[in-house]
Structures are given as C-alpha cells and as structure tokens.
Amino acid sequence: MAHGQTPSQTVGPYFAYGLTPEQYGYAYGSVFGPVLARPHAHGAHIRIIGQVLDGEGTPIDDALVEILHADAAGRYVTSAAQAEADGFAGFGRCGTGASAHREFVFDTVKPGAADGEAPHVDVIVTMRGLLSHAFTRLYFPDEAQANARDPLLQAVPAARRDTLVARRLDLPGGVVYRFDIHMQGARETVFLDL
C-alpha cells in the first residue's frame, strides 16, 4: 500500500487552511470567517487589518488569527440565535496566506466597554512553530480615557503598552484600525499568559 507524502513539520502550517478553508479556495464551509458584523449589526462598522511579523519584520504567510470581542453595547454573544438576530458573530478567523500582503482583515463593529475594561479585542495567534496559541489584546487609540483605567493595559509596563494599541486610519471606505503583531524582536507584541 502506497502512502502519500507526510508533512515536514509537526506543528503546522495547517491551522489557516483547516479552519478557514473557504478563504483559501477550498470547497468546504468555514464555521467562522473574517466578517463578524453584517450590515444590520448595531454600532460603528470598522475594519481591523494587520500582519503577523517574525523577528526580522517579515510577514508570516501561514498564521491564523482569531478575534473575540463584545458588541457595540459591551455584550458578548452567548448563542447562535443572538448572533443571527443581531447580525454580529462576536468571533472571527482569518488566515494570513490568502492575501498578497500576508494580512489578516476583519470586518466588524467597534466593541463597547464591558466589565469595567476599555473597549478591546481579544486576539489569538496560531502558526507553525508554536506549540501553543499566543494570546494578546488590541486596544483602540481613540479610547484614551478608558485605556487609562483598564486594569490589564495598566499592568503592562508603560514602555510596552503601545504594542497593544492599534493605529486608527480614517479612509474613504470607513475607519480602519491597523494592528501588526510582532512575534519577536525589538517591537515584540505583549503576549498574555492565559
């Protein structure tokens, strides 16, 4: 019996292909994708873009980025029925290999404050070479007062907080927040021990 070729790496790069097959042109459905908010979702519709970068600043082409956040009113999605009615999924996935710029792109709504924290997006990165997920957060630069009171952000050394704050771009198509994730190097993103 002949066997096909086996992977050369024991850790990926399977995540993006396996969990977002539609994005990569495979004829399988994706449970979650990069669009979290449909047109009827309440709140300010935004786009989050970025790259996952290695220690030398090179975009990683096989990372999987997952995001989770509250809706515009600060409520988390607790059921499929709620997500369907509100037009907001609350969770999304995007691989970096299908874009020419090796970017992740999410269409969503800007989250509201929840549980005494500043509006934020929880971010999970999975990629080849990582034995476990890397967890981080995205904060918004136009929420300075809320950011100053956020317990998690304030626990991060002041010199490194900017690695968790996205850049706001006001473009003709709408508001875009750019959030690049540096896996290593001088600008390494702060990762959370969860």
N, C-alpha and C. Protein backbone atom coordinates (compact mmCIF):
# COMPACT_ATOMS: atom_id res chain seq x y z
N MET A 1 0.85 -1.17 0.00
CA MET A 1 0.00 0.00 0.00
C MET A 1 0.90 1.23 0.00
N ALA A 2 0.66 2.15 -0.93
CA ALA A 2 1.45 3.38 -1.05
C ALA A 2 0.86 4.46 -0.15
N HIS A 3 1.72 5.19 0.49
CA HIS A 3 1.30 6.29 1.34
C HIS A 3 1.74 7.60 0.72
N GLY A 4 0.94 8.63 0.91
CA GLY A 4 1.29 9.96 0.39
C GLY A 4 2.38 10.59 1.23
N GLN A 5 2.83 11.71 0.75
CA GLN A 5 3.87 12.45 1.45
C GLN A 5 3.36 12.92 2.81
N THR A 6 4.22 12.83 3.79
CA THR A 6 3.85 13.31 5.13
C THR A 6 4.42 14.71 5.32
N PRO A 7 3.84 15.49 6.21
CA PRO A 7 4.31 16.86 6.42
C PRO A 7 5.73 16.90 6.95
N SER A 8 6.46 17.95 6.56
CA SER A 8 7.84 18.10 7.02
C SER A 8 7.90 18.74 8.40
N GLN A 9 6.80 19.36 8.83
CA GLN A 9 6.77 19.99 10.15
C GLN A 9 5.68 19.32 10.98
N THR A 10 5.98 19.13 12.25
CA THR A 10 4.98 18.50 13.12
C THR A 10 4.00 19.51 13.68
N VAL A 11 4.32 20.80 13.58
CA VAL A 11 3.43 21.84 14.09
C VAL A 11 3.10 22.78 12.92
N GLY A 12 2.04 22.47 12.22
CA GLY A 12 1.56 23.33 11.14
C GLY A 12 2.41 23.22 9.90
N PRO A 13 2.10 24.04 8.91
CA PRO A 13 1.09 25.10 8.86
C PRO A 13 -0.27 24.60 8.38
N TYR A 14 -1.07 24.08 9.27
CA TYR A 14 -2.37 23.54 8.90
C TYR A 14 -3.54 24.39 9.36
N PHE A 15 -3.31 25.24 10.35
CA PHE A 15 -4.40 25.91 11.02
C PHE A 15 -5.24 26.76 10.08
N ALA A 16 -4.60 27.65 9.34
CA ALA A 16 -5.35 28.55 8.46
C ALA A 16 -6.10 27.76 7.40
N TYR A 17 -5.45 26.79 6.78
CA TYR A 17 -6.10 26.01 5.73
C TYR A 17 -7.26 25.20 6.28
N GLY A 18 -7.05 24.60 7.44
CA GLY A 18 -8.07 23.72 8.01
C GLY A 18 -9.23 24.45 8.64
N LEU A 19 -8.99 25.63 9.22
CA LEU A 19 -10.05 26.33 9.93
C LEU A 19 -10.69 27.45 9.13
N THR A 20 -10.09 27.85 8.01
CA THR A 20 -10.70 28.85 7.12
C THR A 20 -10.59 28.38 5.67
N PRO A 21 -11.12 27.20 5.36
CA PRO A 21 -10.92 26.64 4.02
C PRO A 21 -11.49 27.50 2.89
N GLU A 22 -12.62 28.16 3.11
CA GLU A 22 -13.21 28.99 2.05
C GLU A 22 -12.27 30.11 1.65
N GLN A 23 -11.59 30.69 2.62
CA GLN A 23 -10.67 31.78 2.34
C GLN A 23 -9.55 31.34 1.40
N TYR A 24 -9.17 30.08 1.49
CA TYR A 24 -8.09 29.56 0.67
C TYR A 24 -8.58 28.87 -0.60
N GLY A 25 -9.87 29.00 -0.89
CA GLY A 25 -10.41 28.47 -2.13
C GLY A 25 -10.80 27.01 -2.10
N TYR A 26 -10.88 26.40 -0.92
CA TYR A 26 -11.29 25.01 -0.84
C TYR A 26 -12.82 24.94 -0.77
N ALA A 27 -13.37 23.88 -1.27
CA ALA A 27 -14.83 23.73 -1.35
C ALA A 27 -15.43 23.17 -0.06
N TYR A 28 -14.99 23.69 1.05
CA TYR A 28 -15.53 23.29 2.35
C TYR A 28 -16.00 24.56 3.05
N GLY A 29 -17.05 24.44 3.82
CA GLY A 29 -17.56 25.60 4.55
C GLY A 29 -16.71 25.93 5.76
N SER A 30 -16.62 27.22 6.07
CA SER A 30 -15.92 27.68 7.26
C SER A 30 -16.96 28.03 8.32
N VAL A 31 -16.78 27.54 9.51
CA VAL A 31 -17.72 27.85 10.59
C VAL A 31 -17.64 29.33 10.93
N PHE A 32 -16.42 29.87 10.99
CA PHE A 32 -16.21 31.28 11.27
C PHE A 32 -15.28 31.85 10.21
N GLY A 33 -15.51 33.09 9.85
CA GLY A 33 -14.68 33.75 8.87
C GLY A 33 -14.29 35.14 9.34
N PRO A 34 -13.82 35.97 8.42
CA PRO A 34 -13.33 37.30 8.79
C PRO A 34 -14.42 38.38 8.88
N VAL A 35 -15.66 38.04 8.59
CA VAL A 35 -16.74 39.02 8.70
C VAL A 35 -17.54 38.70 9.96
N LEU A 36 -17.41 39.58 10.96
CA LEU A 36 -18.12 39.38 12.22
C LEU A 36 -19.44 40.12 12.25
N ALA A 37 -19.55 41.20 11.46
CA ALA A 37 -20.75 42.05 11.51
C ALA A 37 -21.38 42.15 10.13
N ARG A 38 -22.65 41.81 10.09
CA ARG A 38 -23.41 42.02 8.86
C ARG A 38 -23.93 43.45 8.84
N PRO A 39 -24.44 43.91 7.71
CA PRO A 39 -24.85 45.32 7.61
C PRO A 39 -25.83 45.79 8.68
N HIS A 40 -26.71 44.92 9.16
CA HIS A 40 -27.70 45.38 10.15
C HIS A 40 -27.20 45.35 11.59
N ALA A 41 -25.95 44.97 11.82
CA ALA A 41 -25.40 44.98 13.18
C ALA A 41 -25.30 46.42 13.68
N HIS A 42 -25.69 46.65 14.92
CA HIS A 42 -25.63 47.98 15.52
C HIS A 42 -24.20 48.35 15.84
N GLY A 43 -23.91 49.65 15.78
CA GLY A 43 -22.60 50.15 16.15
C GLY A 43 -21.83 50.67 14.96
N ALA A 44 -20.66 51.20 15.26
CA ALA A 44 -19.78 51.74 14.23
C ALA A 44 -19.06 50.59 13.53
N HIS A 45 -19.31 50.44 12.26
CA HIS A 45 -18.67 49.38 11.48
C HIS A 45 -17.22 49.78 11.20
N ILE A 46 -16.32 48.87 11.49
CA ILE A 46 -14.89 49.12 11.33
C ILE A 46 -14.22 47.94 10.63
N ARG A 47 -13.01 48.17 10.22
CA ARG A 47 -12.17 47.10 9.67
C ARG A 47 -10.90 47.05 10.50
N ILE A 48 -10.46 45.85 10.83
CA ILE A 48 -9.19 45.63 11.53
C ILE A 48 -8.28 44.91 10.56
N ILE A 49 -7.11 45.48 10.31
CA ILE A 49 -6.13 44.85 9.42
C ILE A 49 -4.79 44.77 10.12
N GLY A 50 -3.96 43.87 9.67
CA GLY A 50 -2.61 43.79 10.21
C GLY A 50 -1.86 42.62 9.63
N GLN A 51 -0.65 42.50 10.05
CA GLN A 51 0.21 41.39 9.65
C GLN A 51 0.78 40.75 10.91
N VAL A 52 1.08 39.47 10.81
CA VAL A 52 1.83 38.77 11.84
C VAL A 52 3.27 38.74 11.33
N LEU A 53 4.18 39.33 12.11
CA LEU A 53 5.56 39.52 11.65
C LEU A 53 6.53 38.70 12.49
N ASP A 54 7.55 38.15 11.83
CA ASP A 54 8.58 37.41 12.57
C ASP A 54 9.58 38.39 13.17
N GLY A 55 10.64 37.89 13.79
CA GLY A 55 11.62 38.73 14.47
C GLY A 55 12.36 39.68 13.56
N GLU A 56 12.36 39.41 12.26
CA GLU A 56 13.05 40.29 11.32
C GLU A 56 12.08 41.22 10.59
N GLY A 57 10.81 41.17 10.98
CA GLY A 57 9.81 42.04 10.36
C GLY A 57 9.21 41.51 9.07
N THR A 58 9.44 40.24 8.80
CA THR A 58 8.89 39.61 7.59
C THR A 58 7.50 39.08 7.89
N PRO A 59 6.52 39.38 7.04
CA PRO A 59 5.16 38.86 7.26
C PRO A 59 5.12 37.33 7.20
N ILE A 60 4.43 36.73 8.14
CA ILE A 60 4.28 35.28 8.20
C ILE A 60 3.06 34.91 7.36
N ASP A 61 3.26 33.98 6.42
CA ASP A 61 2.21 33.70 5.45
C ASP A 61 1.30 32.53 5.81
N ASP A 62 1.48 31.94 6.95
CA ASP A 62 0.61 30.81 7.29
C ASP A 62 0.08 30.90 8.72
N ALA A 63 -0.07 32.11 9.23
CA ALA A 63 -0.63 32.29 10.57
C ALA A 63 -2.15 32.28 10.50
N LEU A 64 -2.77 31.93 11.59
CA LEU A 64 -4.21 32.02 11.76
C LEU A 64 -4.46 32.98 12.90
N VAL A 65 -5.25 34.01 12.65
CA VAL A 65 -5.58 35.00 13.67
C VAL A 65 -7.06 34.85 13.98
N GLU A 66 -7.38 34.73 15.26
CA GLU A 66 -8.76 34.66 15.71
C GLU A 66 -9.02 35.85 16.62
N ILE A 67 -10.21 36.43 16.50
CA ILE A 67 -10.56 37.54 17.38
C ILE A 67 -11.91 37.27 18.04
N LEU A 68 -12.05 37.85 19.22
CA LEU A 68 -13.27 37.74 20.00
C LEU A 68 -13.49 39.07 20.69
N HIS A 69 -14.71 39.62 20.61
CA HIS A 69 -14.97 40.86 21.33
C HIS A 69 -16.46 41.07 21.54
N ALA A 70 -16.75 42.02 22.42
CA ALA A 70 -18.14 42.37 22.73
C ALA A 70 -18.74 43.17 21.58
N ASP A 71 -20.06 43.27 21.57
CA ASP A 71 -20.73 44.10 20.57
C ASP A 71 -20.61 45.58 20.94
N ALA A 72 -21.26 46.43 20.19
CA ALA A 72 -21.15 47.87 20.42
C ALA A 72 -21.70 48.29 21.78
N ALA A 73 -22.58 47.49 22.36
CA ALA A 73 -23.15 47.80 23.68
C ALA A 73 -22.36 47.15 24.82
N GLY A 74 -21.26 46.47 24.50
CA GLY A 74 -20.45 45.84 25.53
C GLY A 74 -20.93 44.47 25.96
N ARG A 75 -21.77 43.83 25.14
CA ARG A 75 -22.29 42.49 25.47
C ARG A 75 -21.62 41.44 24.58
N TYR A 76 -21.30 40.32 25.18
CA TYR A 76 -20.72 39.22 24.42
C TYR A 76 -21.84 38.34 23.87
N VAL A 77 -21.61 37.75 22.72
CA VAL A 77 -22.57 36.84 22.11
C VAL A 77 -22.60 35.55 22.91
N THR A 78 -23.81 35.09 23.25
CA THR A 78 -23.94 33.88 24.06
C THR A 78 -24.69 32.76 23.36
N SER A 79 -25.22 33.04 22.16
CA SER A 79 -25.93 31.97 21.44
C SER A 79 -25.93 32.26 19.95
N ALA A 80 -26.14 31.20 19.18
CA ALA A 80 -26.25 31.35 17.73
C ALA A 80 -27.47 32.18 17.36
N ALA A 81 -28.55 32.03 18.14
CA ALA A 81 -29.76 32.81 17.87
C ALA A 81 -29.51 34.30 18.07
N GLN A 82 -28.78 34.65 19.11
CA GLN A 82 -28.44 36.05 19.35
C GLN A 82 -27.58 36.60 18.21
N ALA A 83 -26.58 35.83 17.78
CA ALA A 83 -25.71 36.26 16.69
C ALA A 83 -26.51 36.48 15.41
N GLU A 84 -27.43 35.59 15.13
CA GLU A 84 -28.26 35.71 13.92
C GLU A 84 -29.16 36.93 13.99
N ALA A 85 -29.81 37.14 15.12
CA ALA A 85 -30.73 38.27 15.27
C ALA A 85 -30.00 39.61 15.23
N ASP A 86 -28.85 39.69 15.89
CA ASP A 86 -28.12 40.95 15.98
C ASP A 86 -27.22 41.22 14.78
N GLY A 87 -26.95 40.19 13.98
CA GLY A 87 -26.06 40.36 12.84
C GLY A 87 -24.60 40.50 13.24
N PHE A 88 -24.28 40.02 14.44
CA PHE A 88 -22.92 40.13 14.96
C PHE A 88 -22.49 38.80 15.55
N ALA A 89 -21.43 38.21 15.01
CA ALA A 89 -20.98 36.89 15.43
C ALA A 89 -20.16 36.92 16.72
N GLY A 90 -19.40 37.97 16.94
CA GLY A 90 -18.58 38.08 18.14
C GLY A 90 -17.25 37.36 18.06
N PHE A 91 -17.05 36.49 17.07
CA PHE A 91 -15.83 35.71 16.92
C PHE A 91 -15.53 35.58 15.44
N GLY A 92 -14.26 35.69 15.08
CA GLY A 92 -13.88 35.54 13.67
C GLY A 92 -12.51 34.94 13.53
N ARG A 93 -12.26 34.41 12.31
CA ARG A 93 -10.97 33.81 11.98
C ARG A 93 -10.51 34.30 10.63
N CYS A 94 -9.20 34.47 10.50
CA CYS A 94 -8.63 34.85 9.21
C CYS A 94 -7.21 34.33 9.11
N GLY A 95 -6.90 33.70 8.01
CA GLY A 95 -5.53 33.27 7.74
C GLY A 95 -4.78 34.36 7.01
N THR A 96 -3.45 34.35 7.13
CA THR A 96 -2.65 35.40 6.50
C THR A 96 -2.10 35.00 5.14
N GLY A 97 -2.34 33.79 4.70
CA GLY A 97 -1.73 33.32 3.46
C GLY A 97 -2.48 33.61 2.18
N ALA A 98 -3.73 34.01 2.26
CA ALA A 98 -4.51 34.22 1.04
C ALA A 98 -4.40 35.65 0.51
N SER A 99 -3.84 36.55 1.29
CA SER A 99 -3.70 37.95 0.90
C SER A 99 -2.33 38.18 0.28
N ALA A 100 -2.26 39.00 -0.76
CA ALA A 100 -0.98 39.32 -1.39
C ALA A 100 -0.02 39.99 -0.41
N HIS A 101 -0.56 40.73 0.56
CA HIS A 101 0.27 41.42 1.54
C HIS A 101 0.45 40.61 2.83
N ARG A 102 -0.04 39.37 2.84
CA ARG A 102 0.04 38.48 4.01
C ARG A 102 -0.61 39.13 5.22
N GLU A 103 -1.80 39.70 5.01
CA GLU A 103 -2.53 40.40 6.06
C GLU A 103 -3.73 39.60 6.54
N PHE A 104 -4.16 39.90 7.73
CA PHE A 104 -5.48 39.47 8.18
C PHE A 104 -6.37 40.70 8.09
N VAL A 105 -7.64 40.47 7.75
CA VAL A 105 -8.61 41.56 7.59
C VAL A 105 -9.92 41.10 8.21
N PHE A 106 -10.43 41.88 9.17
CA PHE A 106 -11.71 41.58 9.80
C PHE A 106 -12.66 42.76 9.62
N ASP A 107 -13.89 42.46 9.25
CA ASP A 107 -14.95 43.46 9.19
C ASP A 107 -15.87 43.22 10.38
N THR A 108 -16.00 44.22 11.23
CA THR A 108 -16.72 44.05 12.49
C THR A 108 -17.31 45.37 12.94
N VAL A 109 -17.73 45.45 14.18
CA VAL A 109 -18.15 46.71 14.79
C VAL A 109 -17.21 47.01 15.94
N LYS A 110 -17.06 48.29 16.23
CA LYS A 110 -16.20 48.67 17.35
C LYS A 110 -16.88 48.24 18.64
N PRO A 111 -16.16 47.49 19.47
CA PRO A 111 -16.78 47.00 20.71
C PRO A 111 -17.00 48.11 21.73
N GLY A 112 -18.02 47.90 22.54
CA GLY A 112 -18.25 48.78 23.67
C GLY A 112 -17.49 48.27 24.88
N ALA A 113 -17.43 49.07 25.92
CA ALA A 113 -16.76 48.68 27.15
C ALA A 113 -17.57 47.60 27.85
N ALA A 114 -16.88 46.62 28.41
CA ALA A 114 -17.54 45.52 29.13
C ALA A 114 -16.78 45.23 30.42
N ASP A 115 -17.51 44.97 31.47
CA ASP A 115 -16.91 44.52 32.73
C ASP A 115 -15.84 45.46 33.28
N GLY A 116 -16.02 46.77 33.14
CA GLY A 116 -15.07 47.73 33.68
C GLY A 116 -13.77 47.84 32.92
N GLU A 117 -13.69 47.23 31.75
CA GLU A 117 -12.49 47.29 30.93
C GLU A 117 -12.72 48.24 29.75
N ALA A 118 -11.63 48.74 29.19
CA ALA A 118 -11.72 49.58 27.99
C ALA A 118 -12.20 48.71 26.83
N PRO A 119 -12.83 49.31 25.83
CA PRO A 119 -13.16 48.53 24.63
C PRO A 119 -11.89 47.88 24.09
N HIS A 120 -11.98 46.61 23.79
CA HIS A 120 -10.81 45.88 23.31
C HIS A 120 -11.24 44.66 22.50
N VAL A 121 -10.27 44.07 21.82
CA VAL A 121 -10.47 42.85 21.05
C VAL A 121 -9.46 41.83 21.56
N ASP A 122 -9.92 40.66 21.95
CA ASP A 122 -9.01 39.57 22.32
C ASP A 122 -8.51 38.91 21.04
N VAL A 123 -7.22 38.65 20.96
CA VAL A 123 -6.59 38.13 19.75
C VAL A 123 -5.81 36.86 20.08
N ILE A 124 -5.99 35.85 19.24
CA ILE A 124 -5.26 34.60 19.38
C ILE A 124 -4.50 34.35 18.08
N VAL A 125 -3.22 34.01 18.18
CA VAL A 125 -2.40 33.71 17.01
C VAL A 125 -1.94 32.26 17.10
N THR A 126 -2.13 31.54 16.00
CA THR A 126 -1.64 30.17 15.87
C THR A 126 -0.83 30.12 14.59
N MET A 127 0.32 29.47 14.63
CA MET A 127 1.15 29.39 13.43
C MET A 127 2.18 28.27 13.59
N ARG A 128 2.85 27.99 12.49
CA ARG A 128 3.87 26.95 12.54
C ARG A 128 4.94 27.31 13.56
N GLY A 129 5.43 26.29 14.23
CA GLY A 129 6.49 26.51 15.20
C GLY A 129 5.99 26.84 16.60
N LEU A 130 4.73 27.21 16.75
CA LEU A 130 4.17 27.48 18.07
C LEU A 130 3.53 26.21 18.60
N LEU A 131 3.90 25.79 19.77
CA LEU A 131 3.29 24.61 20.35
C LEU A 131 1.97 24.94 21.03
N SER A 132 1.76 26.22 21.31
CA SER A 132 0.52 26.67 21.94
C SER A 132 0.15 28.02 21.33
N HIS A 133 -1.11 28.39 21.44
CA HIS A 133 -1.56 29.68 20.93
C HIS A 133 -0.82 30.81 21.63
N ALA A 134 -0.74 31.95 20.98
CA ALA A 134 -0.25 33.19 21.59
C ALA A 134 -1.46 34.11 21.75
N PHE A 135 -1.66 34.63 22.95
CA PHE A 135 -2.80 35.48 23.25
C PHE A 135 -2.35 36.92 23.43
N THR A 136 -3.09 37.86 22.88
CA THR A 136 -2.81 39.27 23.08
C THR A 136 -4.12 40.04 23.02
N ARG A 137 -4.05 41.35 23.09
CA ARG A 137 -5.23 42.20 23.00
C ARG A 137 -4.96 43.40 22.11
N LEU A 138 -6.01 43.87 21.48
CA LEU A 138 -5.98 45.08 20.69
C LEU A 138 -6.82 46.12 21.42
N TYR A 139 -6.22 47.28 21.69
CA TYR A 139 -6.94 48.41 22.27
C TYR A 139 -7.04 49.51 21.21
N PHE A 140 -7.95 50.44 21.41
CA PHE A 140 -8.22 51.48 20.43
C PHE A 140 -7.59 52.81 20.85
N PRO A 141 -6.90 53.50 19.94
CA PRO A 141 -6.22 54.74 20.30
C PRO A 141 -7.18 55.89 20.62
N ASP A 142 -8.41 55.80 20.15
CA ASP A 142 -9.38 56.86 20.40
C ASP A 142 -10.20 56.60 21.67
N GLU A 143 -9.69 55.75 22.55
CA GLU A 143 -10.32 55.45 23.84
C GLU A 143 -9.33 55.72 24.96
N ALA A 144 -8.62 56.85 24.89
CA ALA A 144 -7.53 57.15 25.82
C ALA A 144 -7.99 57.12 27.28
N GLN A 145 -9.13 57.72 27.59
CA GLN A 145 -9.58 57.74 28.99
C GLN A 145 -9.90 56.34 29.49
N ALA A 146 -10.61 55.55 28.69
CA ALA A 146 -10.93 54.18 29.09
C ALA A 146 -9.65 53.34 29.19
N ASN A 147 -8.72 53.54 28.26
CA ASN A 147 -7.45 52.80 28.29
C ASN A 147 -6.68 53.09 29.58
N ALA A 148 -6.74 54.34 30.03
CA ALA A 148 -6.01 54.73 31.24
C ALA A 148 -6.57 54.06 32.49
N ARG A 149 -7.82 53.57 32.42
CA ARG A 149 -8.44 52.88 33.56
C ARG A 149 -8.47 51.37 33.41
N ASP A 150 -8.06 50.86 32.26
CA ASP A 150 -8.16 49.42 32.01
C ASP A 150 -7.12 48.67 32.85
N PRO A 151 -7.57 47.75 33.72
CA PRO A 151 -6.62 47.07 34.62
C PRO A 151 -5.55 46.26 33.91
N LEU A 152 -5.91 45.56 32.85
CA LEU A 152 -4.91 44.75 32.16
C LEU A 152 -3.90 45.64 31.44
N LEU A 153 -4.37 46.64 30.72
CA LEU A 153 -3.45 47.51 29.99
C LEU A 153 -2.53 48.25 30.96
N GLN A 154 -3.05 48.66 32.10
CA GLN A 154 -2.23 49.38 33.07
C GLN A 154 -1.22 48.45 33.77
N ALA A 155 -1.45 47.15 33.74
CA ALA A 155 -0.50 46.20 34.32
C ALA A 155 0.72 45.98 33.42
N VAL A 156 0.61 46.38 32.15
CA VAL A 156 1.70 46.24 31.19
C VAL A 156 2.68 47.40 31.42
N PRO A 157 3.99 47.14 31.41
CA PRO A 157 4.95 48.25 31.56
C PRO A 157 4.66 49.36 30.54
N ALA A 158 4.74 50.59 30.99
CA ALA A 158 4.37 51.75 30.16
C ALA A 158 5.10 51.76 28.82
N ALA A 159 6.35 51.36 28.80
CA ALA A 159 7.14 51.38 27.57
C ALA A 159 6.66 50.37 26.54
N ARG A 160 5.84 49.40 26.96
CA ARG A 160 5.40 48.35 26.03
C ARG A 160 3.92 48.43 25.69
N ARG A 161 3.17 49.33 26.33
CA ARG A 161 1.73 49.41 26.12
C ARG A 161 1.36 49.70 24.67
N ASP A 162 2.19 50.47 23.98
CA ASP A 162 1.85 50.83 22.60
C ASP A 162 1.80 49.62 21.67
N THR A 163 2.40 48.48 22.08
CA THR A 163 2.32 47.28 21.23
C THR A 163 0.92 46.68 21.24
N LEU A 164 0.07 47.15 22.16
CA LEU A 164 -1.31 46.65 22.26
C LEU A 164 -2.34 47.65 21.71
N VAL A 165 -1.88 48.79 21.25
CA VAL A 165 -2.80 49.82 20.77
C VAL A 165 -2.70 49.92 19.26
N ALA A 166 -3.82 49.74 18.59
CA ALA A 166 -3.87 49.82 17.14
C ALA A 166 -3.70 51.26 16.67
N ARG A 167 -3.44 51.44 15.39
CA ARG A 167 -3.41 52.78 14.79
C ARG A 167 -4.73 52.99 14.04
N ARG A 168 -5.33 54.16 14.21
CA ARG A 168 -6.58 54.47 13.53
C ARG A 168 -6.27 55.15 12.19
N LEU A 169 -6.92 54.67 11.14
CA LEU A 169 -6.80 55.25 9.81
C LEU A 169 -8.20 55.61 9.34
N ASP A 170 -8.43 56.88 9.05
CA ASP A 170 -9.71 57.32 8.51
C ASP A 170 -9.59 57.33 6.99
N LEU A 171 -10.14 56.31 6.36
CA LEU A 171 -10.04 56.14 4.92
C LEU A 171 -11.38 56.39 4.25
N PRO A 172 -11.40 56.63 2.93
CA PRO A 172 -12.66 56.89 2.24
C PRO A 172 -13.72 55.80 2.46
N GLY A 173 -13.32 54.56 2.62
CA GLY A 173 -14.26 53.47 2.82
C GLY A 173 -14.72 53.30 4.26
N GLY A 174 -14.14 54.05 5.19
CA GLY A 174 -14.52 53.94 6.60
C GLY A 174 -13.30 53.87 7.49
N VAL A 175 -13.56 53.63 8.76
CA VAL A 175 -12.49 53.59 9.76
C VAL A 175 -11.80 52.22 9.73
N VAL A 176 -10.47 52.27 9.70
CA VAL A 176 -9.65 51.06 9.73
C VAL A 176 -8.70 51.19 10.91
N TYR A 177 -8.56 50.10 11.65
CA TYR A 177 -7.58 50.04 12.73
C TYR A 177 -6.50 49.06 12.31
N ARG A 178 -5.27 49.54 12.28
CA ARG A 178 -4.13 48.69 11.90
C ARG A 178 -3.47 48.17 13.16
N PHE A 179 -3.32 46.83 13.22
CA PHE A 179 -2.72 46.18 14.38
C PHE A 179 -1.77 45.10 13.90
N ASP A 180 -0.49 45.42 13.86
CA ASP A 180 0.52 44.43 13.47
C ASP A 180 0.99 43.69 14.71
N ILE A 181 1.14 42.38 14.57
CA ILE A 181 1.53 41.51 15.67
C ILE A 181 2.97 41.06 15.43
N HIS A 182 3.88 41.53 16.29
CA HIS A 182 5.30 41.19 16.18
C HIS A 182 5.57 40.01 17.11
N MET A 183 5.91 38.87 16.54
CA MET A 183 6.11 37.67 17.34
C MET A 183 7.42 37.70 18.13
N GLN A 184 8.40 38.46 17.66
CA GLN A 184 9.71 38.58 18.33
C GLN A 184 10.30 39.92 17.95
N GLY A 185 11.46 40.21 18.51
CA GLY A 185 12.21 41.39 18.11
C GLY A 185 12.01 42.59 19.03
N ALA A 186 12.57 43.71 18.62
CA ALA A 186 12.56 44.92 19.43
C ALA A 186 11.15 45.43 19.69
N ARG A 187 10.23 45.22 18.76
CA ARG A 187 8.85 45.69 18.92
C ARG A 187 7.89 44.55 19.25
N GLU A 188 8.41 43.49 19.87
CA GLU A 188 7.58 42.32 20.17
C GLU A 188 6.29 42.74 20.88
N THR A 189 5.19 42.24 20.36
CA THR A 189 3.88 42.49 20.96
C THR A 189 3.83 41.86 22.35
N VAL A 190 3.15 42.51 23.26
CA VAL A 190 2.95 41.92 24.58
C VAL A 190 1.96 40.76 24.43
N PHE A 191 2.38 39.58 24.88
CA PHE A 191 1.52 38.41 24.87
C PHE A 191 1.12 38.09 26.30
N LEU A 192 -0.07 37.54 26.45
CA LEU A 192 -0.65 37.29 27.77
C LEU A 192 -0.49 35.83 28.15
N ASP A 193 -0.23 35.57 29.39
CA ASP A 193 -0.07 34.21 29.90
C ASP A 193 -1.43 33.73 30.39
N LEU A 194 -2.18 33.09 29.50
CA LEU A 194 -3.53 32.60 29.84
C LEU A 194 -3.56 31.09 29.89
